[in-house]
PDB file of all heavy atoms in Angstrom:
ATOM      1  N   ASP A   1     102.360 103.388  74.636  1.00  0.00           N
ATOM      2  CA  ASP A   1     100.937 103.376  74.280  1.00  0.00           C
ATOM      3  C   ASP A   1     100.237 102.111  74.761  1.00  0.00           C
ATOM      4  O   ASP A   1      99.010 102.049  74.778  1.00  0.00           O
ATOM      5  CB  ASP A   1     100.754 103.578  72.784  1.00  0.00           C
ATOM      6  CG  ASP A   1     101.498 102.553  71.944  1.00  0.00           C
ATOM      7  OD1 ASP A   1     102.360 101.833  72.483  1.00  0.00           O
ATOM      8  OD2 ASP A   1     101.230 102.478  70.734  1.00  0.00           O
ATOM      9  N   ALA A   2     100.988 101.101  75.185  1.00  0.00           N
ATOM     10  CA  ALA A   2     100.379  99.894  75.755  1.00  0.00           C
ATOM     11  C   ALA A   2     100.308  99.981  77.274  1.00  0.00           C
ATOM     12  O   ALA A   2      99.616  99.190  77.911  1.00  0.00           O
ATOM     13  CB  ALA A   2     101.174  98.657  75.341  1.00  0.00           C
ATOM     14  N   VAL A   3     101.035 100.937  77.848  1.00  0.00           N
ATOM     15  CA  VAL A   3     101.083 101.062  79.304  1.00  0.00           C
ATOM     16  C   VAL A   3     100.077 102.099  79.804  1.00  0.00           C
ATOM     17  O   VAL A   3      99.422 101.895  80.821  1.00  0.00           O
ATOM     18  CB  VAL A   3     102.514 101.424  79.767  1.00  0.00           C
ATOM     19  CG1 VAL A   3     102.560 101.644  81.266  1.00  0.00           C
ATOM     20  CG2 VAL A   3     103.500 100.339  79.364  1.00  0.00           C
ATOM     21  N   VAL A   4      99.947 103.196  79.095  1.00  0.00           N
ATOM     22  CA  VAL A   4      99.010 104.257  79.467  1.00  0.00           C
ATOM     23  C   VAL A   4      98.081 104.483  78.289  1.00  0.00           C
ATOM     24  O   VAL A   4      98.524 104.832  77.193  1.00  0.00           O
ATOM     25  CB  VAL A   4      99.742 105.571  79.822  1.00  0.00           C
ATOM     26  CG1 VAL A   4      98.740 106.651  80.174  1.00  0.00           C
ATOM     27  CG2 VAL A   4     100.713 105.349  80.961  1.00  0.00           C
ATOM     28  N   LEU A   5      96.787 104.266  78.534  1.00  0.00           N
ATOM     29  CA  LEU A   5      95.807 104.390  77.458  1.00  0.00           C
ATOM     30  C   LEU A   5      94.727 105.387  77.816  1.00  0.00           C
ATOM     31  O   LEU A   5      94.366 105.520  78.992  1.00  0.00           O
ATOM     32  CB  LEU A   5      95.119 103.041  77.203  1.00  0.00           C
ATOM     33  CG  LEU A   5      95.964 101.952  76.607  1.00  0.00           C
ATOM     34  CD1 LEU A   5      96.288 100.954  77.681  1.00  0.00           C
ATOM     35  CD2 LEU A   5      95.214 101.300  75.498  1.00  0.00           C
ATOM     36  N   LEU A   6      94.211 106.025  76.802  1.00  0.00           N
ATOM     37  CA  LEU A   6      93.014 106.844  76.935  1.00  0.00           C
ATOM     38  C   LEU A   6      91.932 106.096  76.181  1.00  0.00           C
ATOM     39  O   LEU A   6      91.965 105.993  74.954  1.00  0.00           O
ATOM     40  CB  LEU A   6      93.240 108.236  76.346  1.00  0.00           C
ATOM     41  CG  LEU A   6      92.056 109.187  76.364  1.00  0.00           C
ATOM     42  CD1 LEU A   6      91.546 109.419  77.780  1.00  0.00           C
ATOM     43  CD2 LEU A   6      92.440 110.509  75.720  1.00  0.00           C
ATOM     44  N   ARG A   7      91.024 105.503  76.934  1.00  0.00           N
ATOM     45  CA  ARG A   7      89.958 104.698  76.338  1.00  0.00           C
ATOM     46  C   ARG A   7      88.629 105.318  76.739  1.00  0.00           C
ATOM     47  O   ARG A   7      88.295 105.357  77.921  1.00  0.00           O
ATOM     48  CB  ARG A   7      90.046 103.255  76.833  1.00  0.00           C
ATOM     49  CG  ARG A   7      89.091 102.330  76.117  1.00  0.00           C
ATOM     50  CD  ARG A   7      89.233 100.896  76.560  1.00  0.00           C
ATOM     51  NE  ARG A   7      90.533 100.356  76.198  1.00  0.00           N
ATOM     52  CZ  ARG A   7      91.151  99.390  76.868  1.00  0.00           C
ATOM     53  NH1 ARG A   7      90.594  98.865  77.936  1.00  0.00           N
ATOM     54  NH2 ARG A   7      92.324  98.950  76.484  1.00  0.00           N
ATOM     55  N   ASP A   8      87.914 105.793  75.735  1.00  0.00           N
ATOM     56  CA  ASP A   8      86.676 106.524  75.952  1.00  0.00           C
ATOM     57  C   ASP A   8      86.984 107.718  76.861  1.00  0.00           C
ATOM     58  O   ASP A   8      87.765 108.561  76.491  1.00  0.00           O
ATOM     59  CB  ASP A   8      85.574 105.622  76.522  1.00  0.00           C
ATOM     60  CG  ASP A   8      85.214 104.484  75.562  1.00  0.00           C
ATOM     61  OD1 ASP A   8      85.151 104.745  74.343  1.00  0.00           O
ATOM     62  OD2 ASP A   8      85.007 103.360  76.039  1.00  0.00           O
ATOM     63  N   GLU A   9      86.430 107.766  78.028  1.00  0.00           N
ATOM     64  CA  GLU A   9      86.653 108.895  78.937  1.00  0.00           C
ATOM     65  C   GLU A   9      87.632 108.563  80.058  1.00  0.00           C
ATOM     66  O   GLU A   9      87.856 109.373  80.943  1.00  0.00           O
ATOM     67  CB  GLU A   9      85.311 109.337  79.556  1.00  0.00           C
ATOM     68  CG  GLU A   9      84.293 109.830  78.528  1.00  0.00           C
ATOM     69  CD  GLU A   9      84.732 111.127  77.852  1.00  0.00           C
ATOM     70  OE1 GLU A   9      85.115 112.070  78.566  1.00  0.00           O
ATOM     71  OE2 GLU A   9      84.699 111.176  76.615  1.00  0.00           O
ATOM     72  N   LEU A  10      88.228 107.354  80.015  1.00  0.00           N
ATOM     73  CA  LEU A  10      89.110 106.906  81.093  1.00  0.00           C
ATOM     74  C   LEU A  10      90.572 106.891  80.669  1.00  0.00           C
ATOM     75  O   LEU A  10      90.896 106.495  79.546  1.00  0.00           O
ATOM     76  CB  LEU A  10      88.735 105.493  81.542  1.00  0.00           C
ATOM     77  CG  LEU A  10      87.398 105.322  82.242  1.00  0.00           C
ATOM     78  CD1 LEU A  10      87.140 103.850  82.529  1.00  0.00           C
ATOM     79  CD2 LEU A  10      87.361 106.125  83.528  1.00  0.00           C
ATOM     80  N   VAL A  11      91.435 107.294  81.575  1.00  0.00           N
ATOM     81  CA  VAL A  11      92.873 107.123  81.405  1.00  0.00           C
ATOM     82  C   VAL A  11      93.237 105.909  82.242  1.00  0.00           C
ATOM     83  O   VAL A  11      92.943 105.855  83.442  1.00  0.00           O
ATOM     84  CB  VAL A  11      93.663 108.373  81.849  1.00  0.00           C
ATOM     85  CG1 VAL A  11      95.154 108.149  81.668  1.00  0.00           C
ATOM     86  CG2 VAL A  11      93.203 109.599  81.077  1.00  0.00           C
ATOM     87  N   LEU A  12      93.853 104.915  81.603  1.00  0.00           N
ATOM     88  CA  LEU A  12      94.136 103.625  82.230  1.00  0.00           C
ATOM     89  C   LEU A  12      95.632 103.383  82.304  1.00  0.00           C
ATOM     90  O   LEU A  12      96.365 103.666  81.348  1.00  0.00           O
ATOM     91  CB  LEU A  12      93.508 102.492  81.416  1.00  0.00           C
ATOM     92  CG  LEU A  12      92.030 102.632  81.050  1.00  0.00           C
ATOM     93  CD1 LEU A  12      91.643 101.618  79.999  1.00  0.00           C
ATOM     94  CD2 LEU A  12      91.197 102.470  82.289  1.00  0.00           C
ATOM     95  N   LEU A  13      96.068 102.818  83.405  1.00  0.00           N
ATOM     96  CA  LEU A  13      97.464 102.434  83.582  1.00  0.00           C
ATOM     97  C   LEU A  13      97.569 100.920  83.575  1.00  0.00           C
ATOM     98  O   LEU A  13      96.931 100.244  84.389  1.00  0.00           O
ATOM     99  CB  LEU A  13      98.004 102.974  84.915  1.00  0.00           C
ATOM    100  CG  LEU A  13      99.419 102.541  85.291  1.00  0.00           C
ATOM    101  CD1 LEU A  13     100.439 103.073  84.283  1.00  0.00           C
ATOM    102  CD2 LEU A  13      99.760 103.009  86.693  1.00  0.00           C
ATOM    103  N   GLY A  14      98.341 100.403  82.649  1.00  0.00           N
ATOM    104  CA  GLY A  14      98.635  98.973  82.612  1.00  0.00           C
ATOM    105  C   GLY A  14      97.438  98.063  82.558  1.00  0.00           C
ATOM    106  O   GLY A  14      97.376  97.109  83.335  1.00  0.00           O
ATOM    107  N   PRO A  15      96.490  98.295  81.639  1.00  0.00           N
ATOM    108  CA  PRO A  15      95.305  97.435  81.622  1.00  0.00           C
ATOM    109  C   PRO A  15      95.605  95.982  81.286  1.00  0.00           C
ATOM    110  O   PRO A  15      94.822  95.107  81.603  1.00  0.00           O
ATOM    111  CB  PRO A  15      94.409  98.077  80.556  1.00  0.00           C
ATOM    112  CG  PRO A  15      95.335  98.836  79.684  1.00  0.00           C
ATOM    113  CD  PRO A  15      96.456  99.289  80.566  1.00  0.00           C
ATOM    114  N   GLY A  16      96.756  95.705  80.698  1.00  0.00           N
ATOM    115  CA  GLY A  16      97.116  94.327  80.371  1.00  0.00           C
ATOM    116  C   GLY A  16      97.873  93.627  81.473  1.00  0.00           C
ATOM    117  O   GLY A  16      98.361  92.520  81.290  1.00  0.00           O
ATOM    118  N   GLY A  17      97.991  94.248  82.638  1.00  0.00           N
ATOM    119  CA  GLY A  17      98.684  93.635  83.760  1.00  0.00           C
ATOM    120  C   GLY A  17     100.196  93.724  83.673  1.00  0.00           C
ATOM    121  O   GLY A  17     100.892  92.986  84.362  1.00  0.00           O
ATOM    122  N   VAL A  18     100.716  94.624  82.858  1.00  0.00           N
ATOM    123  CA  VAL A  18     102.163  94.736  82.685  1.00  0.00           C
ATOM    124  C   VAL A  18     102.798  95.681  83.700  1.00  0.00           C
ATOM    125  O   VAL A  18     104.010  95.819  83.727  1.00  0.00           O
ATOM    126  CB  VAL A  18     102.527  95.203  81.259  1.00  0.00           C
ATOM    127  CG1 VAL A  18     102.064  94.196  80.230  1.00  0.00           C
ATOM    128  CG2 VAL A  18     101.957  96.575  80.986  1.00  0.00           C
ATOM    129  N   VAL A  19     101.995  96.317  84.523  1.00  0.00           N
ATOM    130  CA  VAL A  19     102.501  97.306  85.474  1.00  0.00           C
ATOM    131  C   VAL A  19     102.365  96.778  86.894  1.00  0.00           C
ATOM    132  O   VAL A  19     101.316  96.257  87.277  1.00  0.00           O
ATOM    133  CB  VAL A  19     101.742  98.645  85.331  1.00  0.00           C
ATOM    134  CG1 VAL A  19     102.163  99.634  86.397  1.00  0.00           C
ATOM    135  CG2 VAL A  19     101.946  99.225  83.950  1.00  0.00           C
ATOM    136  N   ARG A  20     103.448  96.904  87.671  1.00  0.00           N
ATOM    137  CA  ARG A  20     103.415  96.578  89.099  1.00  0.00           C
ATOM    138  C   ARG A  20     103.764  97.842  89.866  1.00  0.00           C
ATOM    139  O   ARG A  20     104.743  98.522  89.538  1.00  0.00           O
ATOM    140  CB  ARG A  20     104.437  95.502  89.460  1.00  0.00           C
ATOM    141  CG  ARG A  20     104.112  94.115  88.986  1.00  0.00           C
ATOM    142  CD  ARG A  20     102.884  93.498  89.594  1.00  0.00           C
ATOM    143  NE  ARG A  20     102.896  93.482  91.053  1.00  0.00           N
ATOM    144  CZ  ARG A  20     101.847  93.197  91.799  1.00  0.00           C
ATOM    145  NH1 ARG A  20     100.701  92.901  91.245  1.00  0.00           N
ATOM    146  NH2 ARG A  20     101.934  93.203  93.095  1.00  0.00           N
ATOM    147  N   VAL A  21     102.978  98.140  90.887  1.00  0.00           N
ATOM    148  CA  VAL A  21     103.196  99.310  91.729  1.00  0.00           C
ATOM    149  C   VAL A  21     103.544  98.799  93.124  1.00  0.00           C
ATOM    150  O   VAL A  21     102.841  97.941  93.670  1.00  0.00           O
ATOM    151  CB  VAL A  21     101.934 100.205  91.760  1.00  0.00           C
ATOM    152  CG1 VAL A  21     102.141 101.412  92.656  1.00  0.00           C
ATOM    153  CG2 VAL A  21     101.554 100.641  90.345  1.00  0.00           C
ATOM    154  N   ASP A  22     104.619  99.335  93.708  1.00  0.00           N
ATOM    155  CA  ASP A  22     105.058  98.843  95.019  1.00  0.00           C
ATOM    156  C   ASP A  22     103.993  99.020  96.093  1.00  0.00           C
ATOM    157  O   ASP A  22     103.875  98.208  97.006  1.00  0.00           O
ATOM    158  CB  ASP A  22     106.378  99.482  95.441  1.00  0.00           C
ATOM    159  CG  ASP A  22     106.302 100.984  95.673  1.00  0.00           C
ATOM    160  OD1 ASP A  22     105.294 101.626  95.325  1.00  0.00           O
ATOM    161  OD2 ASP A  22     107.294 101.536  96.196  1.00  0.00           O
ATOM    162  N   LEU A  23     103.176 100.032  95.973  1.00  0.00           N
ATOM    163  CA  LEU A  23     102.097 100.250  96.936  1.00  0.00           C
ATOM    164  C   LEU A  23     101.090  99.096  96.892  1.00  0.00           C
ATOM    165  O   LEU A  23     100.594  98.655  97.925  1.00  0.00           O
ATOM    166  CB  LEU A  23     101.414 101.587  96.653  1.00  0.00           C
ATOM    167  CG  LEU A  23     100.423 102.094  97.678  1.00  0.00           C
ATOM    168  CD1 LEU A  23     101.076 102.272  99.035  1.00  0.00           C
ATOM    169  CD2 LEU A  23      99.823 103.413  97.200  1.00  0.00           C
ATOM    170  N   ASP A  24     100.830  98.583  95.698  1.00  0.00           N
ATOM    171  CA  ASP A  24      99.948  97.416  95.562  1.00  0.00           C
ATOM    172  C   ASP A  24     100.568  96.196  96.228  1.00  0.00           C
ATOM    173  O   ASP A  24      99.873  95.404  96.864  1.00  0.00           O
ATOM    174  CB  ASP A  24      99.691  97.101  94.086  1.00  0.00           C
ATOM    175  CG  ASP A  24      98.931  98.192  93.368  1.00  0.00           C
ATOM    176  OD1 ASP A  24      98.239  98.993  94.023  1.00  0.00           O
ATOM    177  OD2 ASP A  24      99.028  98.248  92.122  1.00  0.00           O
ATOM    178  N   ASP A  25     101.892  96.045  96.062  1.00  0.00           N
ATOM    179  CA  ASP A  25     102.582  94.911  96.694  1.00  0.00           C
ATOM    180  C   ASP A  25     102.440  94.981  98.214  1.00  0.00           C
ATOM    181  O   ASP A  25     102.201  93.967  98.871  1.00  0.00           O
ATOM    182  CB  ASP A  25     104.063  94.892  96.312  1.00  0.00           C
ATOM    183  CG  ASP A  25     104.273  94.653  94.823  1.00  0.00           C
ATOM    184  OD1 ASP A  25     103.365  94.125  94.154  1.00  0.00           O
ATOM    185  OD2 ASP A  25     105.370  94.998  94.334  1.00  0.00           O
ATOM    186  N   PHE A  26     102.596  96.193  98.759  1.00  0.00           N
ATOM    187  CA  PHE A  26     102.447  96.364 100.208  1.00  0.00           C
ATOM    188  C   PHE A  26     101.018  96.030 100.650  1.00  0.00           C
ATOM    189  O   PHE A  26     100.818  95.305 101.623  1.00  0.00           O
ATOM    190  CB  PHE A  26     102.804  97.789 100.634  1.00  0.00           C
ATOM    191  CG  PHE A  26     102.323  98.106 102.025  1.00  0.00           C
ATOM    192  CD1 PHE A  26     102.889  97.476 103.128  1.00  0.00           C
ATOM    193  CD2 PHE A  26     101.289  98.999 102.225  1.00  0.00           C
ATOM    194  CE1 PHE A  26     102.431  97.745 104.413  1.00  0.00           C
ATOM    195  CE2 PHE A  26     100.830  99.280 103.498  1.00  0.00           C
ATOM    196  CZ  PHE A  26     101.394  98.648 104.593  1.00  0.00           C
ATOM    197  N   GLU A  27     100.028  96.553  99.943  1.00  0.00           N
ATOM    198  CA  GLU A  27      98.631  96.295 100.327  1.00  0.00           C
ATOM    199  C   GLU A  27      98.297  94.806 100.251  1.00  0.00           C
ATOM    200  O   GLU A  27      97.585  94.281 101.105  1.00  0.00           O
ATOM    201  CB  GLU A  27      97.691  97.118  99.456  1.00  0.00           C
ATOM    202  CG  GLU A  27      97.757  98.605  99.771  1.00  0.00           C
ATOM    203  CD  GLU A  27      96.893  99.461  98.871  1.00  0.00           C
ATOM    204  OE1 GLU A  27      96.517  99.000  97.764  1.00  0.00           O
ATOM    205  OE2 GLU A  27      96.592 100.585  99.269  1.00  0.00           O
ATOM    206  N   GLU A  28      98.841  94.140  99.238  1.00  0.00           N
ATOM    207  CA  GLU A  28      98.623  92.699  99.105  1.00  0.00           C
ATOM    208  C   GLU A  28      99.259  91.948 100.277  1.00  0.00           C
ATOM    209  O   GLU A  28      98.651  91.042 100.859  1.00  0.00           O
ATOM    210  CB  GLU A  28      99.212  92.220  97.780  1.00  0.00           C
ATOM    211  CG  GLU A  28      98.953  90.779  97.459  1.00  0.00           C
ATOM    212  CD  GLU A  28      99.547  90.429  96.097  1.00  0.00           C
ATOM    213  OE1 GLU A  28      99.233  91.124  95.116  1.00  0.00           O
ATOM    214  OE2 GLU A  28     100.334  89.460  96.048  1.00  0.00           O
ATOM    215  N   ALA A  29     100.465  92.332 100.647  1.00  0.00           N
ATOM    216  CA  ALA A  29     101.146  91.695 101.783  1.00  0.00           C
ATOM    217  C   ALA A  29     100.402  91.971 103.085  1.00  0.00           C
ATOM    218  O   ALA A  29     100.294  91.087 103.950  1.00  0.00           O
ATOM    219  CB  ALA A  29     102.590  92.195 101.881  1.00  0.00           C
ATOM    220  N   ALA A  30      99.846  93.177 103.239  1.00  0.00           N
ATOM    221  CA  ALA A  30      99.079  93.509 104.445  1.00  0.00           C
ATOM    222  C   ALA A  30      97.809  92.662 104.524  1.00  0.00           C
ATOM    223  O   ALA A  30      97.468  92.143 105.591  1.00  0.00           O
ATOM    224  CB  ALA A  30      98.741  94.992 104.464  1.00  0.00           C
ATOM    225  N   ARG A  31      97.118  92.496 103.393  1.00  0.00           N
ATOM    226  CA  ARG A  31      95.916  91.636 103.380  1.00  0.00           C
ATOM    227  C   ARG A  31      96.263  90.201 103.755  1.00  0.00           C
ATOM    228  O   ARG A  31      95.560  89.546 104.523  1.00  0.00           O
ATOM    229  CB  ARG A  31      95.242  91.687 102.011  1.00  0.00           C
ATOM    230  CG  ARG A  31      94.355  92.874 101.796  1.00  0.00           C
ATOM    231  CD  ARG A  31      93.493  92.734 100.539  1.00  0.00           C
ATOM    232  NE  ARG A  31      94.281  92.642  99.324  1.00  0.00           N
ATOM    233  CZ  ARG A  31      94.763  93.687  98.657  1.00  0.00           C
ATOM    234  NH1 ARG A  31      94.531  94.910  99.082  1.00  0.00           N
ATOM    235  NH2 ARG A  31      95.461  93.513  97.563  1.00  0.00           N
ATOM    236  N   ARG A  32      97.378  89.722 103.210  1.00  0.00           N
ATOM    237  CA  ARG A  32      97.813  88.361 103.510  1.00  0.00           C
ATOM    238  C   ARG A  32      98.108  88.231 105.010  1.00  0.00           C
ATOM    239  O   ARG A  32      97.726  87.250 105.652  1.00  0.00           O
ATOM    240  CB  ARG A  32      99.051  88.016 102.676  1.00  0.00           C
ATOM    241  CG  ARG A  32      99.463  86.585 102.726  1.00  0.00           C
ATOM    242  CD  ARG A  32     100.570  86.203 101.727  1.00  0.00           C
ATOM    243  NE  ARG A  32     101.593  87.214 101.504  1.00  0.00           N
ATOM    244  CZ  ARG A  32     101.691  87.978 100.405  1.00  0.00           C
ATOM    245  NH1 ARG A  32     100.815  87.848  99.429  1.00  0.00           N
ATOM    246  NH2 ARG A  32     102.658  88.860 100.288  1.00  0.00           N
ATOM    247  N   ALA A  33      98.752  89.234 105.588  1.00  0.00           N
ATOM    248  CA  ALA A  33      99.076  89.204 107.023  1.00  0.00           C
ATOM    249  C   ALA A  33      97.817  89.219 107.873  1.00  0.00           C
ATOM    250  O   ALA A  33      97.710  88.467 108.840  1.00  0.00           O
ATOM    251  CB  ALA A  33      99.971  90.390 107.370  1.00  0.00           C
ATOM    252  N   PHE A  34      96.848  90.053 107.514  1.00  0.00           N
ATOM    253  CA  PHE A  34      95.609  90.113 108.289  1.00  0.00           C
ATOM    254  C   PHE A  34      94.847  88.797 108.189  1.00  0.00           C
ATOM    255  O   PHE A  34      94.195  88.378 109.143  1.00  0.00           O
ATOM    256  CB  PHE A  34      94.723  91.271 107.834  1.00  0.00           C
ATOM    257  CG  PHE A  34      95.277  92.620 108.200  1.00  0.00           C
ATOM    258  CD1 PHE A  34      95.330  93.626 107.256  1.00  0.00           C
ATOM    259  CD2 PHE A  34      95.737  92.895 109.478  1.00  0.00           C
ATOM    260  CE1 PHE A  34      95.842  94.875 107.578  1.00  0.00           C
ATOM    261  CE2 PHE A  34      96.249  94.132 109.812  1.00  0.00           C
ATOM    262  CZ  PHE A  34      96.303  95.128 108.854  1.00  0.00           C
ATOM    263  N   GLY A  35      94.960  88.150 107.033  1.00  0.00           N
ATOM    264  CA  GLY A  35      94.280  86.862 106.861  1.00  0.00           C
ATOM    265  C   GLY A  35      94.948  85.741 107.628  1.00  0.00           C
ATOM    266  O   GLY A  35      94.287  84.907 108.239  1.00  0.00           O
ATOM    267  N   SER A  36      96.266  85.716 107.625  1.00  0.00           N
ATOM    268  CA  SER A  36      96.984  84.615 108.269  1.00  0.00           C
ATOM    269  C   SER A  36      97.213  84.860 109.758  1.00  0.00           C
ATOM    270  O   SER A  36      97.334  83.915 110.528  1.00  0.00           O
ATOM    271  CB  SER A  36      98.348  84.411 107.606  1.00  0.00           C
ATOM    272  OG  SER A  36      99.254  85.441 107.970  1.00  0.00           O
ATOM    273  N   ARG A  37      97.302  86.136 110.141  1.00  0.00           N
ATOM    274  CA  ARG A  37      97.587  86.545 111.519  1.00  0.00           C
ATOM    275  C   ARG A  37      98.944  86.046 112.012  1.00  0.00           C
ATOM    276  O   ARG A  37      99.185  85.932 113.205  1.00  0.00           O
ATOM    277  CB  ARG A  37      96.482  86.101 112.467  1.00  0.00           C
ATOM    278  CG  ARG A  37      95.127  86.693 112.138  1.00  0.00           C
ATOM    279  CD  ARG A  37      94.185  86.481 113.306  1.00  0.00           C
ATOM    280  NE  ARG A  37      92.977  87.267 113.219  1.00  0.00           N
ATOM    281  CZ  ARG A  37      92.870  88.560 113.510  1.00  0.00           C
ATOM    282  NH1 ARG A  37      93.907  89.245 113.878  1.00  0.00           N
ATOM    283  NH2 ARG A  37      91.712  89.179 113.435  1.00  0.00           N
ATOM    284  N   LYS A  38      99.853  85.739 111.091  1.00  0.00           N
ATOM    285  CA  LYS A  38     101.190  85.271 111.460  1.00  0.00           C
ATOM    286  C   LYS A  38     102.122  86.463 111.602  1.00  0.00           C
ATOM    287  O   LYS A  38     102.181  87.318 110.715  1.00  0.00           O
ATOM    288  CB  LYS A  38     101.734  84.330 110.390  1.00  0.00           C
ATOM    289  CG  LYS A  38     100.957  83.044 110.269  1.00  0.00           C
ATOM    290  CD  LYS A  38     101.545  82.180 109.180  1.00  0.00           C
ATOM    291  CE  LYS A  38     100.731  80.899 109.033  1.00  0.00           C
ATOM    292  NZ  LYS A  38     101.188  80.107 107.882  1.00  0.00           N
ATOM    293  N   PRO A  39     102.877  86.537 112.702  1.00  0.00           N
ATOM    294  CA  PRO A  39     103.820  87.644 112.880  1.00  0.00           C
ATOM    295  C   PRO A  39     104.799  87.805 111.714  1.00  0.00           C
ATOM    296  O   PRO A  39     105.136  88.916 111.325  1.00  0.00           O
ATOM    297  CB  PRO A  39     104.543  87.301 114.181  1.00  0.00           C
ATOM    298  CG  PRO A  39     103.545  86.485 114.937  1.00  0.00           C
ATOM    299  CD  PRO A  39     102.824  85.671 113.887  1.00  0.00           C
ATOM    300  N   ALA A  40     105.241  86.708 111.139  1.00  0.00           N
ATOM    301  CA  ALA A  40     106.184  86.792 110.018  1.00  0.00           C
ATOM    302  C   ALA A  40     105.548  87.505 108.819  1.00  0.00           C
ATOM    303  O   ALA A  40     106.216  88.274 108.123  1.00  0.00           O
ATOM    304  CB  ALA A  40     106.662  85.406 109.614  1.00  0.00           C
ATOM    305  N   ASP A  41     104.258  87.263 108.600  1.00  0.00           N
ATOM    306  CA  ASP A  41     103.571  87.935 107.497  1.00  0.00           C
ATOM    307  C   ASP A  41     103.402  89.425 107.783  1.00  0.00           C
ATOM    308  O   ASP A  41     103.520  90.255 106.882  1.00  0.00           O
ATOM    309  CB  ASP A  41     102.207  87.292 107.234  1.00  0.00           C
ATOM    310  CG  ASP A  41     102.332  85.914 106.588  1.00  0.00           C
ATOM    311  OD1 ASP A  41     103.417  85.599 106.051  1.00  0.00           O
ATOM    312  OD2 ASP A  41     101.339  85.160 106.632  1.00  0.00           O
TER     313      ASP A  41
END
């Protein structure tokens, strides 16, 4: 009940920041790479 909430008309996943999704990790790494332009990134 702390991970998935129904608040008003919205269904929320991890509103307290307790959830990590691997797709988010990838998107964050891609943004970092585009910003740095380093091949390693």
